[in-house]
Amino acid sequence: MKASSYINCLFFVVTLIIATACNDSKQQDILNKNIQDDLKFKEPIEKLNTRIYEMEKRIVWLEMQISSLEQKIAKTADKPKIKQQNYYTVQYGDTLFGIAKKFDISIKDIRRLNSLSSNDQIYVGQKLNIVESLR
């Protein structure tokens, strides 16, 4: 039994006991009216509690959806955007492996697109064609 239902029942019983113990009919009428008022609000309150519970469930679901979208955004934000760029300019410390990983393209494809043999080295300032990494 929910705590609120338990409290409502307890309040109802206590009110009945007091009402039956009273000799004054005016006090009994006031107590009976209070009991009737409490019963009038019981059903709407239960409906509101149900709606609140449903809304809380919906909020939890929406929070999970937001978290999932944030994770997807974070993953895509990690990769460089090269939509308008067909070339990458080699920076100090770059390796073919690092560039391939950064742009989600294979080393073999970078070599093929740039006519590089396995013995060729890349150098700072060199422009590498990475057009096939656009997906």
N, C-alpha and C. Protein backbone atom coordinates (compact mmCIF):
# COMPACT_ATOMS: atom_id res chain seq x y z
N MET A 1 0.85 -1.18 0.00
CA MET A 1 0.00 0.00 0.00
C MET A 1 0.89 1.24 0.00
N LYS A 2 0.56 2.21 -0.83
CA LYS A 2 1.32 3.45 -0.90
C LYS A 2 1.17 4.21 0.41
N ALA A 3 2.18 4.99 0.73
CA ALA A 3 2.16 5.77 1.97
C ALA A 3 1.00 6.76 1.97
N SER A 4 0.74 7.38 0.80
CA SER A 4 -0.35 8.36 0.75
C SER A 4 -1.70 7.69 0.97
N SER A 5 -1.89 6.47 0.43
CA SER A 5 -3.14 5.75 0.64
C SER A 5 -3.29 5.36 2.11
N TYR A 6 -2.19 4.94 2.70
CA TYR A 6 -2.20 4.57 4.11
C TYR A 6 -2.57 5.77 4.97
N ILE A 7 -1.99 6.93 4.66
CA ILE A 7 -2.29 8.14 5.42
C ILE A 7 -3.74 8.54 5.25
N ASN A 8 -4.27 8.44 4.03
CA ASN A 8 -5.68 8.77 3.78
C ASN A 8 -6.60 7.86 4.59
N CYS A 9 -6.31 6.57 4.59
CA CYS A 9 -7.14 5.63 5.36
C CYS A 9 -7.06 5.93 6.86
N LEU A 10 -5.87 6.19 7.33
CA LEU A 10 -5.67 6.48 8.74
C LEU A 10 -6.44 7.75 9.12
N PHE A 11 -6.33 8.78 8.29
CA PHE A 11 -7.05 10.02 8.55
C PHE A 11 -8.56 9.77 8.58
N PHE A 12 -9.04 8.97 7.65
CA PHE A 12 -10.46 8.64 7.57
C PHE A 12 -10.93 7.94 8.85
N VAL A 13 -10.17 6.96 9.32
CA VAL A 13 -10.53 6.20 10.53
C VAL A 13 -10.53 7.12 11.75
N VAL A 14 -9.49 7.94 11.88
CA VAL A 14 -9.40 8.85 13.02
C VAL A 14 -10.58 9.83 13.00
N THR A 15 -10.93 10.32 11.84
CA THR A 15 -12.05 11.26 11.72
C THR A 15 -13.37 10.59 12.11
N LEU A 16 -13.54 9.33 11.69
CA LEU A 16 -14.76 8.59 12.06
C LEU A 16 -14.84 8.39 13.57
N ILE A 17 -13.73 8.04 14.17
CA ILE A 17 -13.72 7.82 15.62
C ILE A 17 -14.09 9.11 16.35
N ILE A 18 -13.51 10.21 15.91
CA ILE A 18 -13.81 11.49 16.55
C ILE A 18 -15.28 11.85 16.34
N ALA A 19 -15.78 11.62 15.13
CA ALA A 19 -17.17 11.97 14.82
C ALA A 19 -18.14 11.18 15.67
N THR A 20 -17.87 9.91 15.85
CA THR A 20 -18.80 9.10 16.65
C THR A 20 -18.69 9.42 18.13
N ALA A 21 -17.55 9.94 18.55
CA ALA A 21 -17.36 10.28 19.96
C ALA A 21 -18.00 11.63 20.31
N CYS A 22 -18.26 12.43 19.32
CA CYS A 22 -18.85 13.76 19.55
C CYS A 22 -20.35 13.63 19.84
N ASN A 23 -20.82 14.40 20.80
CA ASN A 23 -22.24 14.42 21.09
C ASN A 23 -22.94 15.56 20.34
N ASP A 24 -22.17 16.55 20.00
CA ASP A 24 -22.74 17.73 19.37
C ASP A 24 -22.99 17.43 17.89
N SER A 25 -24.21 17.53 17.44
CA SER A 25 -24.55 17.20 16.05
C SER A 25 -23.92 18.19 15.08
N LYS A 26 -23.70 19.42 15.50
CA LYS A 26 -23.07 20.41 14.64
C LYS A 26 -21.62 19.99 14.36
N GLN A 27 -20.90 19.54 15.37
CA GLN A 27 -19.52 19.07 15.18
C GLN A 27 -19.50 17.83 14.29
N GLN A 28 -20.49 16.94 14.48
CA GLN A 28 -20.56 15.74 13.64
C GLN A 28 -20.79 16.14 12.17
N ASP A 29 -21.65 17.12 11.95
CA ASP A 29 -21.91 17.58 10.58
C ASP A 29 -20.63 18.16 9.94
N ILE A 30 -19.88 18.92 10.72
CA ILE A 30 -18.62 19.51 10.20
C ILE A 30 -17.64 18.40 9.86
N LEU A 31 -17.53 17.41 10.75
CA LEU A 31 -16.60 16.30 10.50
C LEU A 31 -17.04 15.48 9.29
N ASN A 32 -18.35 15.24 9.19
CA ASN A 32 -18.86 14.48 8.04
C ASN A 32 -18.58 15.24 6.73
N LYS A 33 -18.75 16.56 6.76
CA LYS A 33 -18.46 17.36 5.56
C LYS A 33 -16.97 17.27 5.22
N ASN A 34 -16.11 17.32 6.22
CA ASN A 34 -14.67 17.19 5.98
C ASN A 34 -14.34 15.83 5.35
N ILE A 35 -14.97 14.79 5.84
CA ILE A 35 -14.75 13.45 5.29
C ILE A 35 -15.21 13.41 3.83
N GLN A 36 -16.38 13.97 3.56
CA GLN A 36 -16.89 13.99 2.18
C GLN A 36 -15.96 14.80 1.27
N ASP A 37 -15.47 15.93 1.77
CA ASP A 37 -14.54 16.73 0.98
C ASP A 37 -13.26 15.95 0.67
N ASP A 38 -12.75 15.24 1.69
CA ASP A 38 -11.54 14.44 1.48
C ASP A 38 -11.79 13.37 0.43
N LEU A 39 -12.95 12.73 0.49
CA LEU A 39 -13.26 11.68 -0.49
C LEU A 39 -13.43 12.27 -1.89
N LYS A 40 -13.94 13.50 -2.00
CA LYS A 40 -14.10 14.16 -3.31
C LYS A 40 -12.74 14.35 -3.98
N PHE A 41 -11.74 14.68 -3.18
CA PHE A 41 -10.43 14.98 -3.74
C PHE A 41 -9.55 13.74 -3.90
N LYS A 42 -9.96 12.63 -3.32
CA LYS A 42 -9.12 11.43 -3.35
C LYS A 42 -8.90 10.94 -4.79
N GLU A 43 -9.98 10.82 -5.56
CA GLU A 43 -9.86 10.30 -6.93
C GLU A 43 -9.05 11.25 -7.83
N PRO A 44 -9.33 12.56 -7.83
CA PRO A 44 -8.51 13.45 -8.65
C PRO A 44 -7.03 13.43 -8.27
N ILE A 45 -6.76 13.31 -6.96
CA ILE A 45 -5.37 13.26 -6.51
C ILE A 45 -4.70 11.99 -7.01
N GLU A 46 -5.40 10.86 -6.96
CA GLU A 46 -4.85 9.61 -7.47
C GLU A 46 -4.59 9.70 -8.96
N LYS A 47 -5.51 10.36 -9.70
CA LYS A 47 -5.30 10.54 -11.14
C LYS A 47 -4.06 11.41 -11.39
N LEU A 48 -3.90 12.47 -10.59
CA LEU A 48 -2.73 13.32 -10.73
C LEU A 48 -1.45 12.55 -10.42
N ASN A 49 -1.49 11.73 -9.38
CA ASN A 49 -0.32 10.91 -9.04
C ASN A 49 0.04 9.98 -10.19
N THR A 50 -0.97 9.39 -10.83
CA THR A 50 -0.72 8.51 -11.98
C THR A 50 -0.10 9.30 -13.12
N ARG A 51 -0.63 10.48 -13.40
CA ARG A 51 -0.07 11.32 -14.48
C ARG A 51 1.36 11.73 -14.17
N ILE A 52 1.62 12.07 -12.91
CA ILE A 52 2.98 12.46 -12.51
C ILE A 52 3.93 11.29 -12.71
N TYR A 53 3.50 10.09 -12.33
CA TYR A 53 4.33 8.90 -12.50
C TYR A 53 4.63 8.66 -13.98
N GLU A 54 3.61 8.78 -14.84
CA GLU A 54 3.80 8.60 -16.27
C GLU A 54 4.75 9.66 -16.84
N MET A 55 4.62 10.89 -16.36
CA MET A 55 5.50 11.96 -16.83
C MET A 55 6.94 11.72 -16.37
N GLU A 56 7.10 11.23 -15.16
CA GLU A 56 8.45 10.92 -14.68
C GLU A 56 9.09 9.83 -15.52
N LYS A 57 8.31 8.82 -15.90
CA LYS A 57 8.83 7.76 -16.78
C LYS A 57 9.24 8.35 -18.12
N ARG A 58 8.43 9.25 -18.65
CA ARG A 58 8.72 9.89 -19.94
C ARG A 58 9.99 10.74 -19.85
N ILE A 59 10.15 11.44 -18.73
CA ILE A 59 11.35 12.25 -18.52
C ILE A 59 12.60 11.38 -18.51
N VAL A 60 12.53 10.24 -17.82
CA VAL A 60 13.67 9.32 -17.78
C VAL A 60 14.00 8.84 -19.19
N TRP A 61 12.96 8.49 -19.97
CA TRP A 61 13.18 8.04 -21.35
C TRP A 61 13.82 9.14 -22.19
N LEU A 62 13.32 10.38 -22.04
CA LEU A 62 13.89 11.50 -22.79
C LEU A 62 15.34 11.77 -22.39
N GLU A 63 15.64 11.66 -21.10
CA GLU A 63 17.02 11.85 -20.65
C GLU A 63 17.94 10.80 -21.27
N MET A 64 17.45 9.56 -21.39
CA MET A 64 18.25 8.50 -22.02
C MET A 64 18.47 8.82 -23.50
N GLN A 65 17.44 9.33 -24.18
CA GLN A 65 17.57 9.69 -25.60
C GLN A 65 18.58 10.83 -25.77
N ILE A 66 18.52 11.82 -24.89
CA ILE A 66 19.45 12.95 -24.95
C ILE A 66 20.87 12.46 -24.73
N SER A 67 21.06 11.59 -23.75
CA SER A 67 22.39 11.04 -23.47
C SER A 67 22.93 10.29 -24.68
N SER A 68 22.08 9.50 -25.31
CA SER A 68 22.49 8.75 -26.50
C SER A 68 22.90 9.70 -27.62
N LEU A 69 22.12 10.75 -27.84
CA LEU A 69 22.46 11.73 -28.88
C LEU A 69 23.76 12.47 -28.55
N GLU A 70 23.95 12.80 -27.28
CA GLU A 70 25.19 13.47 -26.88
C GLU A 70 26.40 12.59 -27.16
N GLN A 71 26.27 11.28 -26.92
CA GLN A 71 27.37 10.36 -27.19
C GLN A 71 27.65 10.29 -28.69
N LYS A 72 26.60 10.25 -29.50
CA LYS A 72 26.78 10.22 -30.95
C LYS A 72 27.45 11.50 -31.44
N ILE A 73 27.02 12.63 -30.90
CA ILE A 73 27.62 13.91 -31.28
C ILE A 73 29.09 13.94 -30.90
N ALA A 74 29.41 13.45 -29.71
CA ALA A 74 30.80 13.44 -29.24
C ALA A 74 31.66 12.58 -30.15
N LYS A 75 31.12 11.44 -30.60
CA LYS A 75 31.89 10.55 -31.49
C LYS A 75 32.15 11.22 -32.83
N THR A 76 31.15 11.88 -33.38
CA THR A 76 31.34 12.50 -34.69
C THR A 76 32.17 13.77 -34.59
N ALA A 77 32.15 14.43 -33.43
CA ALA A 77 32.93 15.64 -33.25
C ALA A 77 34.42 15.34 -33.20
N ASP A 78 34.78 14.10 -32.82
CA ASP A 78 36.19 13.72 -32.72
C ASP A 78 36.85 13.62 -34.09
N LYS A 79 36.07 13.34 -35.13
CA LYS A 79 36.64 13.19 -36.47
C LYS A 79 36.60 14.52 -37.19
N PRO A 80 37.67 14.85 -37.88
CA PRO A 80 37.70 16.13 -38.60
C PRO A 80 36.65 16.17 -39.71
N LYS A 81 36.14 17.33 -39.96
CA LYS A 81 35.17 17.52 -41.03
C LYS A 81 35.93 17.95 -42.27
N ILE A 82 35.75 17.22 -43.37
CA ILE A 82 36.49 17.52 -44.59
C ILE A 82 35.54 17.58 -45.78
N LYS A 83 34.32 18.03 -45.56
CA LYS A 83 33.31 18.02 -46.62
C LYS A 83 33.74 18.83 -47.83
N GLN A 84 34.33 20.01 -47.65
CA GLN A 84 34.72 20.87 -48.76
C GLN A 84 36.19 20.71 -49.12
N GLN A 85 36.90 19.91 -48.36
CA GLN A 85 38.34 19.80 -48.53
C GLN A 85 38.68 18.45 -49.14
N ASN A 86 39.44 18.46 -50.21
CA ASN A 86 39.88 17.21 -50.84
C ASN A 86 41.30 16.85 -50.44
N TYR A 87 41.98 17.78 -49.80
CA TYR A 87 43.38 17.56 -49.44
C TYR A 87 43.60 17.84 -47.97
N TYR A 88 44.62 17.16 -47.45
CA TYR A 88 45.06 17.40 -46.08
C TYR A 88 46.51 17.84 -46.16
N THR A 89 46.85 18.90 -45.45
CA THR A 89 48.23 19.37 -45.42
C THR A 89 48.94 18.72 -44.24
N VAL A 90 50.03 18.03 -44.53
CA VAL A 90 50.78 17.30 -43.52
C VAL A 90 51.37 18.29 -42.52
N GLN A 91 51.18 17.97 -41.23
CA GLN A 91 51.69 18.79 -40.13
C GLN A 91 52.89 18.08 -39.50
N TYR A 92 53.67 18.84 -38.73
CA TYR A 92 54.82 18.26 -38.03
C TYR A 92 54.34 17.12 -37.11
N GLY A 93 54.97 15.99 -37.19
CA GLY A 93 54.63 14.84 -36.34
C GLY A 93 53.62 13.90 -36.96
N ASP A 94 53.02 14.27 -38.11
CA ASP A 94 52.04 13.40 -38.77
C ASP A 94 52.71 12.15 -39.33
N THR A 95 51.96 11.08 -39.29
CA THR A 95 52.37 9.84 -39.95
C THR A 95 51.21 9.39 -40.83
N LEU A 96 51.50 8.54 -41.80
CA LEU A 96 50.42 8.03 -42.65
C LEU A 96 49.39 7.29 -41.80
N PHE A 97 49.88 6.55 -40.81
CA PHE A 97 48.96 5.82 -39.93
C PHE A 97 48.03 6.79 -39.20
N GLY A 98 48.60 7.85 -38.63
CA GLY A 98 47.80 8.83 -37.89
C GLY A 98 46.80 9.55 -38.78
N ILE A 99 47.23 9.92 -39.98
CA ILE A 99 46.34 10.60 -40.93
C ILE A 99 45.22 9.66 -41.35
N ALA A 100 45.58 8.41 -41.64
CA ALA A 100 44.57 7.42 -42.05
C ALA A 100 43.53 7.24 -40.95
N LYS A 101 43.99 7.15 -39.73
CA LYS A 101 43.07 6.97 -38.61
C LYS A 101 42.19 8.22 -38.43
N LYS A 102 42.79 9.39 -38.54
CA LYS A 102 42.08 10.65 -38.35
C LYS A 102 40.93 10.81 -39.36
N PHE A 103 41.17 10.36 -40.60
CA PHE A 103 40.17 10.56 -41.65
C PHE A 103 39.44 9.28 -42.04
N ASP A 104 39.65 8.23 -41.27
CA ASP A 104 38.93 6.97 -41.51
C ASP A 104 39.14 6.47 -42.94
N ILE A 105 40.39 6.37 -43.33
CA ILE A 105 40.77 5.90 -44.66
C ILE A 105 41.98 4.99 -44.46
N SER A 106 42.18 4.05 -45.33
CA SER A 106 43.31 3.14 -45.16
C SER A 106 44.61 3.78 -45.67
N ILE A 107 45.73 3.33 -45.13
CA ILE A 107 47.04 3.80 -45.59
C ILE A 107 47.21 3.46 -47.06
N LYS A 108 46.76 2.29 -47.42
CA LYS A 108 46.85 1.83 -48.81
C LYS A 108 46.13 2.81 -49.74
N ASP A 109 44.93 3.28 -49.33
CA ASP A 109 44.18 4.24 -50.16
C ASP A 109 44.90 5.59 -50.24
N ILE A 110 45.48 6.02 -49.13
CA ILE A 110 46.24 7.29 -49.16
C ILE A 110 47.40 7.17 -50.14
N ARG A 111 48.12 6.05 -50.06
CA ARG A 111 49.26 5.84 -50.97
C ARG A 111 48.77 5.82 -52.43
N ARG A 112 47.67 5.11 -52.69
CA ARG A 112 47.17 4.98 -54.07
C ARG A 112 46.71 6.34 -54.58
N LEU A 113 45.93 7.09 -53.77
CA LEU A 113 45.40 8.39 -54.20
C LEU A 113 46.51 9.42 -54.44
N ASN A 114 47.65 9.24 -53.79
CA ASN A 114 48.74 10.22 -53.89
C ASN A 114 49.96 9.67 -54.61
N SER A 115 49.79 8.53 -55.25
CA SER A 115 50.87 7.88 -56.01
C SER A 115 52.14 7.76 -55.17
N LEU A 116 51.97 7.30 -53.94
CA LEU A 116 53.12 7.10 -53.04
C LEU A 116 53.46 5.63 -53.01
N SER A 117 54.76 5.30 -53.15
CA SER A 117 55.18 3.91 -53.01
C SER A 117 55.41 3.65 -51.53
N SER A 118 55.67 2.41 -51.19
CA SER A 118 55.88 2.07 -49.78
C SER A 118 57.17 2.69 -49.25
N ASN A 119 58.08 3.10 -50.15
CA ASN A 119 59.35 3.73 -49.72
C ASN A 119 59.23 5.24 -49.59
N ASP A 120 58.20 5.84 -50.18
CA ASP A 120 58.06 7.29 -50.14
C ASP A 120 57.70 7.75 -48.73
N GLN A 121 58.26 8.90 -48.36
CA GLN A 121 57.95 9.49 -47.05
C GLN A 121 57.13 10.76 -47.26
N ILE A 122 56.37 11.09 -46.26
CA ILE A 122 55.60 12.34 -46.32
C ILE A 122 56.40 13.42 -45.62
N TYR A 123 56.12 14.68 -45.96
CA TYR A 123 56.87 15.79 -45.36
C TYR A 123 55.90 16.91 -44.98
N VAL A 124 56.33 17.74 -44.04
CA VAL A 124 55.52 18.85 -43.55
C VAL A 124 55.18 19.78 -44.72
N GLY A 125 53.91 20.14 -44.82
CA GLY A 125 53.44 21.03 -45.88
C GLY A 125 52.94 20.28 -47.11
N GLN A 126 53.22 19.00 -47.18
CA GLN A 126 52.77 18.21 -48.33
C GLN A 126 51.25 18.11 -48.30
N LYS A 127 50.61 18.24 -49.46
CA LYS A 127 49.16 18.09 -49.55
C LYS A 127 48.85 16.68 -50.01
N LEU A 128 48.05 15.99 -49.19
CA LEU A 128 47.65 14.62 -49.51
C LEU A 128 46.19 14.60 -49.92
N ASN A 129 45.90 13.93 -51.01
CA ASN A 129 44.53 13.77 -51.48
C ASN A 129 43.83 12.77 -50.56
N ILE A 130 42.71 13.16 -49.99
CA ILE A 130 41.95 12.26 -49.11
C ILE A 130 40.49 12.24 -49.51
N VAL A 131 40.21 12.53 -50.79
CA VAL A 131 38.85 12.69 -51.26
C VAL A 131 37.99 11.44 -51.03
N GLU A 132 38.56 10.25 -51.05
CA GLU A 132 37.75 9.04 -50.86
C GLU A 132 37.26 8.87 -49.43
N SER A 133 37.77 9.65 -48.50
CA SER A 133 37.31 9.52 -47.12
C SER A 133 35.96 10.18 -46.90
N LEU A 134 35.50 10.94 -47.91
CA LEU A 134 34.17 11.55 -47.78
C LEU A 134 33.12 10.47 -47.90
N ARG A 135 32.27 10.36 -46.87
CA ARG A 135 31.26 9.28 -46.89
C ARG A 135 29.91 9.85 -46.63
